[in-house]
């Protein structure tokens, strides 16, 4: 069936990093990795036999124990950026604590928190257009930066709600404003469709050349963890990595703007699609007024 695993089926911490039909090339790649990279190998035989190297960074530990110098990072940001970043980290920490409470175990880090990348999320956002345009851009840029391990998508959804509430304090994402289990279930299904497509776009954006090789070996479907499948026939793979980064970033932004537009419709606040968005300075000022 041309099925390949993106995350190693025996250990989801390991993700696909290198493919080649020649075992000598595989050995050469393996010896080139740094000491902090753990490796697993799988052999596939589709249109032809080939090998896949899966890698994972050694270290990890609970996210809440990750060390970083927040004071130093904040001192190097503009006043507006630092105000928004502090609030963003509060949202992120609250989501991690909620996750830990639900799962009963600490959230394990697969990469470090990158505080210094967060101002770039804000600087890359145009802050122009409607409230839903700005909220969608913000969410997309936050996810693309991948600065907050283990909760990028959930933090982005929470940030959308937080931003739109600065324009209309009554706004709530549908999940938090419905009572019945069936509505809540519908909401989760609907959100997950967007999150899964977001993950597909991010994965293709990072690995389009690798996937092009996989396609030539006979692969048609890639399976990420949580049974998220990527149908390789649905994505343009034959482009330079620099071009793929731009093309798929634009598709990702469109996806998240559409998500916000549908969310405000579902929540009963369609007027937010026409309401002018807050600028970065206005958003930061409203956060300061909350404190």
Protein backbone atom coordinates (compact mmCIF):
# COMPACT_ATOMS: atom_id res chain seq x y z
CA UNK A 1 0.00 0.00 0.00
CA UNK A 2 3.01 2.31 0.00
CA UNK A 3 2.70 3.07 3.72
CA UNK A 4 5.64 4.57 5.67
CA UNK A 5 5.77 5.68 9.31
CA UNK A 6 6.86 9.27 9.98
CA UNK A 7 7.28 8.53 13.69
CA UNK A 8 8.92 5.22 14.57
CA UNK A 9 6.10 2.73 15.33
CA UNK A 10 7.97 1.41 18.38
CA UNK A 11 8.83 4.83 19.89
CA UNK A 12 6.98 7.98 18.86
CA UNK A 13 9.82 10.22 20.16
CA UNK A 14 11.76 9.24 17.02
CA UNK A 15 10.90 10.93 13.71
CA UNK A 16 11.96 10.31 10.13
CA UNK A 17 15.20 12.10 9.28
CA UNK A 18 16.93 10.36 6.35
CA UNK A 19 16.04 7.88 3.58
CA UNK A 20 18.27 6.01 1.13
CA UNK A 21 18.30 2.69 -0.76
CA UNK A 22 22.08 2.25 -0.27
CA UNK A 23 23.20 0.75 3.07
CA UNK A 24 26.66 2.41 2.75
CA UNK A 25 24.98 5.83 2.58
CA UNK A 26 22.91 4.94 5.64
CA UNK A 27 26.05 4.01 7.61
CA UNK A 28 27.75 7.22 6.48
CA UNK A 29 24.75 9.26 7.68
CA UNK A 30 24.59 7.46 11.04
CA UNK A 31 28.24 8.17 11.89
CA UNK A 32 27.75 11.86 11.02
CA UNK A 33 25.22 12.48 13.84
CA UNK A 34 26.27 14.23 17.05
CA UNK A 35 26.46 12.27 20.30
CA UNK A 36 23.19 13.74 21.60
CA UNK A 37 21.19 12.16 18.75
CA UNK A 38 19.61 8.73 19.31
CA UNK A 39 18.93 6.62 16.21
CA UNK A 40 16.55 3.86 15.12
CA UNK A 41 16.55 2.20 11.69
CA UNK A 42 13.77 0.56 9.65
CA UNK A 43 13.94 -1.21 6.30
CA UNK A 44 11.03 -0.92 3.83
CA UNK A 45 10.41 -2.68 0.55
CA UNK A 46 7.84 -0.92 -1.66
CA UNK A 47 8.67 -0.32 -5.35
CA UNK A 48 12.26 -0.98 -4.23
CA UNK A 49 13.98 -1.68 -0.89
CA UNK A 50 15.17 1.36 1.11
CA UNK A 51 16.16 2.31 4.64
CA UNK A 52 14.79 5.02 6.94
CA UNK A 53 16.73 6.58 9.81
CA UNK A 54 14.60 7.88 12.70
CA UNK A 55 16.22 10.26 15.17
CA UNK A 56 15.48 11.75 18.59
CA UNK A 57 17.39 14.19 20.78
CA UNK A 58 18.63 12.67 24.01
CA UNK A 59 17.88 14.63 27.18
CA UNK A 60 14.31 15.77 27.49
CA UNK A 61 12.89 15.69 30.99
CA UNK A 62 9.70 17.44 32.13
CA UNK A 63 8.92 20.70 30.28
CA UNK A 64 8.33 22.51 33.59
CA UNK A 65 11.96 21.81 34.56
CA UNK A 66 13.47 23.38 31.42
CA UNK A 67 15.85 26.13 32.43
CA UNK A 68 15.90 29.49 30.67
CA UNK A 69 16.81 33.02 31.64
CA UNK A 70 13.47 34.75 31.16
CA UNK A 71 14.60 38.05 32.69
CA UNK A 72 17.53 38.33 30.26
CA UNK A 73 15.37 37.40 27.25
CA UNK A 74 12.66 39.91 28.19
CA UNK A 75 15.22 42.69 28.71
CA UNK A 76 16.25 42.33 25.06
CA UNK A 77 12.68 42.70 23.72
CA UNK A 78 10.68 45.82 22.97
CA UNK A 79 8.19 46.84 25.68
CA UNK A 80 5.18 45.66 23.63
CA UNK A 81 6.80 42.35 22.68
CA UNK A 82 7.82 41.56 26.27
CA UNK A 83 4.29 42.34 27.56
CA UNK A 84 2.71 39.97 25.03
CA UNK A 85 5.39 37.26 25.49
CA UNK A 86 4.87 37.19 29.28
CA UNK A 87 1.12 36.68 28.78
CA UNK A 88 1.78 34.03 26.11
CA UNK A 89 4.02 32.09 28.52
CA UNK A 90 1.29 32.26 31.19
CA UNK A 91 -1.19 30.75 28.72
CA UNK A 92 1.36 28.06 27.78
CA UNK A 93 2.15 27.15 31.40
CA UNK A 94 -1.56 26.94 32.26
CA UNK A 95 -2.10 24.52 29.35
CA UNK A 96 0.86 22.36 30.43
CA UNK A 97 -0.46 22.25 34.02
CA UNK A 98 -3.93 21.29 32.73
CA UNK A 99 -2.39 18.57 30.55
CA UNK A 100 -0.37 17.23 33.49
CA UNK A 101 -3.48 17.14 35.65
CA UNK A 102 -5.46 15.29 32.97
CA UNK A 103 -2.71 12.78 32.14
CA UNK A 104 -1.35 12.37 35.67
CA UNK A 105 2.27 12.58 34.47
CA UNK A 106 4.63 15.48 33.69
CA UNK A 107 4.75 16.65 30.06
CA UNK A 108 8.06 15.44 28.59
CA UNK A 109 10.10 17.90 26.53
CA UNK A 110 11.34 16.82 23.11
CA UNK A 111 13.01 20.19 22.52
CA UNK A 112 13.81 23.32 24.51
CA UNK A 113 11.49 26.28 24.93
CA UNK A 114 12.79 29.02 22.63
CA UNK A 115 11.81 32.28 24.34
CA UNK A 116 13.99 34.34 22.02
CA UNK A 117 11.98 33.18 18.98
CA UNK A 118 8.69 34.55 20.36
CA UNK A 119 9.27 38.25 19.45
CA UNK A 120 9.75 37.08 15.85
CA UNK A 121 6.24 35.57 15.96
CA UNK A 122 4.91 39.04 16.79
CA UNK A 123 7.18 40.91 14.36
CA UNK A 124 6.21 38.64 11.45
CA UNK A 125 2.50 39.28 12.03
CA UNK A 126 1.25 42.20 9.91
CA UNK A 127 -1.36 43.26 12.55
CA UNK A 128 -3.53 44.58 9.70
CA UNK A 129 -6.97 43.62 8.51
CA UNK A 130 -9.88 42.23 10.45
CA UNK A 131 -9.71 40.78 13.95
CA UNK A 132 -10.00 37.26 12.52
CA UNK A 133 -7.18 37.95 10.02
CA UNK A 134 -4.82 39.11 12.77
CA UNK A 135 -5.78 36.28 15.16
CA UNK A 136 -5.25 33.71 12.39
CA UNK A 137 -1.87 35.18 11.46
CA UNK A 138 -0.77 35.20 15.10
CA UNK A 139 -1.77 31.57 15.58
CA UNK A 140 -0.07 30.48 12.35
CA UNK A 141 3.18 32.30 13.13
CA UNK A 142 3.29 30.90 16.67
CA UNK A 143 2.89 27.35 15.36
CA UNK A 144 5.42 27.86 12.54
CA UNK A 145 8.05 29.10 15.02
CA UNK A 146 7.55 25.96 17.13
CA UNK A 147 8.99 27.75 20.17
CA UNK A 148 6.76 26.10 22.80
CA UNK A 149 7.25 22.31 22.86
CA UNK A 150 4.31 19.95 23.39
CA UNK A 151 1.58 22.59 23.29
CA UNK A 152 2.12 24.76 20.19
CA UNK A 153 -1.31 24.14 18.68
CA UNK A 154 -3.23 24.35 21.95
CA UNK A 155 -1.42 27.56 22.88
CA UNK A 156 -2.28 29.00 19.45
CA UNK A 157 -5.99 28.21 19.92
CA UNK A 158 -5.90 29.77 23.42
CA UNK A 159 -4.08 32.84 22.03
CA UNK A 160 -6.84 33.30 19.42
CA UNK A 161 -9.44 33.37 22.19
CA UNK A 162 -7.35 35.71 24.35
CA UNK A 163 -6.78 38.15 21.45
CA UNK A 164 -10.45 38.22 20.37
CA UNK A 165 -11.58 38.75 23.98
CA UNK A 166 -9.66 42.02 24.03
CA UNK A 167 -12.12 43.18 21.35
CA UNK A 168 -15.22 41.47 22.76
CA UNK A 169 -14.95 40.22 26.37
CA UNK A 170 -17.97 37.95 25.81
CA UNK A 171 -16.27 35.94 23.09
CA UNK A 172 -15.46 32.34 23.98
CA UNK A 173 -14.28 29.48 21.80
CA UNK A 174 -17.29 27.16 21.24
CA UNK A 175 -15.80 24.44 23.49
CA UNK A 176 -15.96 26.74 26.50
CA UNK A 177 -19.44 28.05 25.74
CA UNK A 178 -21.37 24.82 25.12
CA UNK A 179 -22.90 22.56 27.72
CA UNK A 180 -23.75 19.24 26.07
CA UNK A 181 -21.30 16.42 25.57
CA UNK A 182 -22.33 16.02 21.92
CA UNK A 183 -21.55 19.67 21.14
CA UNK A 184 -18.23 19.41 22.94
CA UNK A 185 -17.42 16.26 20.96
CA UNK A 186 -18.33 17.95 17.66
CA UNK A 187 -16.09 20.86 18.60
CA UNK A 188 -13.11 18.61 19.35
CA UNK A 189 -13.59 16.72 16.08
CA UNK A 190 -13.79 19.99 14.17
CA UNK A 191 -10.73 21.53 15.84
CA UNK A 192 -8.75 18.33 15.37
CA UNK A 193 -9.40 18.42 11.62
CA UNK A 194 -7.70 21.82 11.46
CA UNK A 195 -4.87 20.81 13.80
CA UNK A 196 -4.19 17.63 11.83
CA UNK A 197 -4.08 19.52 8.53
CA UNK A 198 -1.82 22.09 10.18
CA UNK A 199 0.56 19.27 11.20
CA UNK A 200 0.49 17.85 7.67
CA UNK A 201 1.39 21.23 6.16
CA UNK A 202 4.20 21.76 8.70
CA UNK A 203 5.64 18.30 8.05
CA UNK A 204 5.57 18.65 4.26
CA UNK A 205 7.02 22.16 4.58
CA UNK A 206 10.04 20.82 6.49
CA UNK A 207 10.59 17.58 4.61
CA UNK A 208 9.31 18.00 1.04
CA UNK A 209 12.59 16.79 -0.57
CA UNK A 210 12.72 13.75 1.70
CA UNK A 211 9.09 12.97 0.86
CA UNK A 212 9.83 13.34 -2.86
CA UNK A 213 12.45 10.57 -2.48
CA UNK A 214 10.00 8.42 -0.51
CA UNK A 215 7.42 8.90 -3.27
CA UNK A 216 9.96 7.72 -5.88
CA UNK A 217 10.55 4.56 -3.77
CA UNK A 218 6.81 3.81 -3.80
CA UNK A 219 5.53 5.54 -0.65
CA UNK A 220 2.07 7.11 -0.97
CA UNK A 221 0.99 7.52 2.67
CA UNK A 222 2.98 8.72 5.67
CA UNK A 223 1.62 8.05 9.15
CA UNK A 224 2.41 10.51 11.94
CA UNK A 225 1.69 9.77 15.60
CA UNK A 226 -1.97 9.83 16.71
CA UNK A 227 -2.79 8.11 13.37
CA UNK A 228 -2.55 11.37 11.38
CA UNK A 229 -1.97 10.32 7.79
CA UNK A 230 -0.34 12.40 5.06
CA UNK A 231 -1.44 11.48 1.54
CA UNK A 232 1.67 12.37 -0.49
CA UNK A 233 -0.37 12.54 -3.70
CA UNK A 234 -2.19 15.63 -2.34
CA UNK A 235 0.91 17.81 -1.86
CA UNK A 236 3.35 19.41 -4.27
CA UNK A 237 6.75 17.96 -3.31
CA UNK A 238 8.91 18.89 -6.29
CA UNK A 239 10.26 22.30 -5.23
CA UNK A 240 13.35 23.71 -3.59
CA UNK A 241 13.20 23.73 0.24
CA UNK A 242 13.31 27.55 0.30
CA UNK A 243 10.28 27.68 -2.01
CA UNK A 244 8.44 24.99 -0.01
CA UNK A 245 8.96 26.99 3.19
CA UNK A 246 7.26 30.04 1.64
CA UNK A 247 4.46 28.19 -0.22
CA UNK A 248 3.46 26.03 2.74
CA UNK A 249 3.73 28.90 5.24
CA UNK A 250 1.16 30.78 3.13
CA UNK A 251 -1.13 27.73 3.01
CA UNK A 252 -0.71 27.36 6.78
CA UNK A 253 -1.69 30.98 7.40
CA UNK A 254 -4.76 30.64 5.14
CA UNK A 255 -5.77 27.52 7.09
CA UNK A 256 -5.63 29.31 10.46
CA UNK A 257 -7.43 32.44 9.25
CA UNK A 258 -10.19 30.14 7.96
CA UNK A 259 -10.23 28.36 11.33
CA UNK A 260 -10.74 31.65 13.21
CA UNK A 261 -13.46 32.77 10.80
CA UNK A 262 -15.32 29.50 11.34
CA UNK A 263 -14.75 29.67 15.12
CA UNK A 264 -16.37 33.12 15.44
CA UNK A 265 -19.31 31.93 13.33
CA UNK A 266 -19.77 28.86 15.56
CA UNK A 267 -19.43 30.97 18.72
CA UNK A 268 -22.10 33.42 17.50
CA UNK A 269 -19.84 36.44 16.89
CA UNK A 270 -19.60 36.65 13.07
CA UNK A 271 -19.16 40.44 13.32
CA UNK A 272 -15.53 39.83 14.39
CA UNK A 273 -14.81 39.00 10.74
CA UNK A 274 -15.53 42.66 9.92
CA UNK A 275 -14.16 44.24 13.11
CA UNK A 276 -10.76 45.91 12.58
CA UNK A 277 -8.02 44.04 14.44
CA UNK A 278 -5.97 45.47 17.29
CA UNK A 279 -2.45 46.58 16.45
CA UNK A 280 0.43 45.14 18.44
CA UNK A 281 0.68 48.32 20.52
CA UNK A 282 -3.09 48.29 21.25
CA UNK A 283 -3.00 44.59 22.15
CA UNK A 284 -0.04 45.11 24.52
CA UNK A 285 -1.77 48.12 26.14
CA UNK A 286 -4.93 46.11 26.78
CA UNK A 287 -2.81 43.37 28.44
CA UNK A 288 -1.12 45.98 30.67
CA UNK A 289 -4.56 47.28 31.68
CA UNK A 290 -5.53 43.77 32.79
CA UNK A 291 -2.65 43.57 35.27
